[in-house]
Amino acid sequence: ATGSHCADDGRLEVPAGRLILPVTEVVERHLPYADFCRRTPRECDLRGATVLPFSPGLLHSLGMINTAVNRQIAFALDIEQYNVEEHWALPDSGRGDCEDMALEKRSRLVRSGYAPGALRLALVFHRTLLNSHCVLTVETTAGTYLLDSFTSEVLRWDQTPYNFEARERPDGYWDRFDQTQWRYGQ
């Protein structure tokens, strides 16, 4: 992992707060996301730094963009907008679901000058609402932060109510995480 190093006994040491979970397999992009990437390849180009230097300015920018998208984009199911169960797109109509909002947040951050390699989508499962969800993760030197359509708060991944199912990698593949150690409740 970027930013990690080996301890004297050979163990991998990872900075506190980084999203490092047991990977069970590496998989291709989810088909609706692969379709989005075919239609808008620039939005899926994750080159550049994979970790951003943490600063109060970065946290402020993340919060501003997270809040703006959450306020500006009205939630709408794909079936209502596109007449299909699953369709990933930038919410140009002003309406979208969690994937669309996460894509919009990444797009705005990239346009603001942040390296896309550090801005990766994650599929999660809410421990109390018991539903699948998509968030944008931001890898920083102080940990992995989430931009979430459910809240304007920008929290570190381990302070959220989610079990992580999978996360995008900078090379375009996705890590699927071990699902045997889920936590339930708060």
Foldseek 3Di string as FASTA:
>chain_A
DPPWDADPVRDIGDAPLAPDFAFPDWAADDVLVVVQCVVPVVLLQQDDDQAAADDPVVQVLLLVLLVVLLVQAAEDACCVVPVDRDHEDQPPVSYYHQNNSLSVSLVVVVVVPDRSNQWKKFWWAQQEVGHIGIWIWGHYSNHIWTRGSVDSRIDRPVVHRIDTQWMAHNVRIIGGHDPPDDDHDD
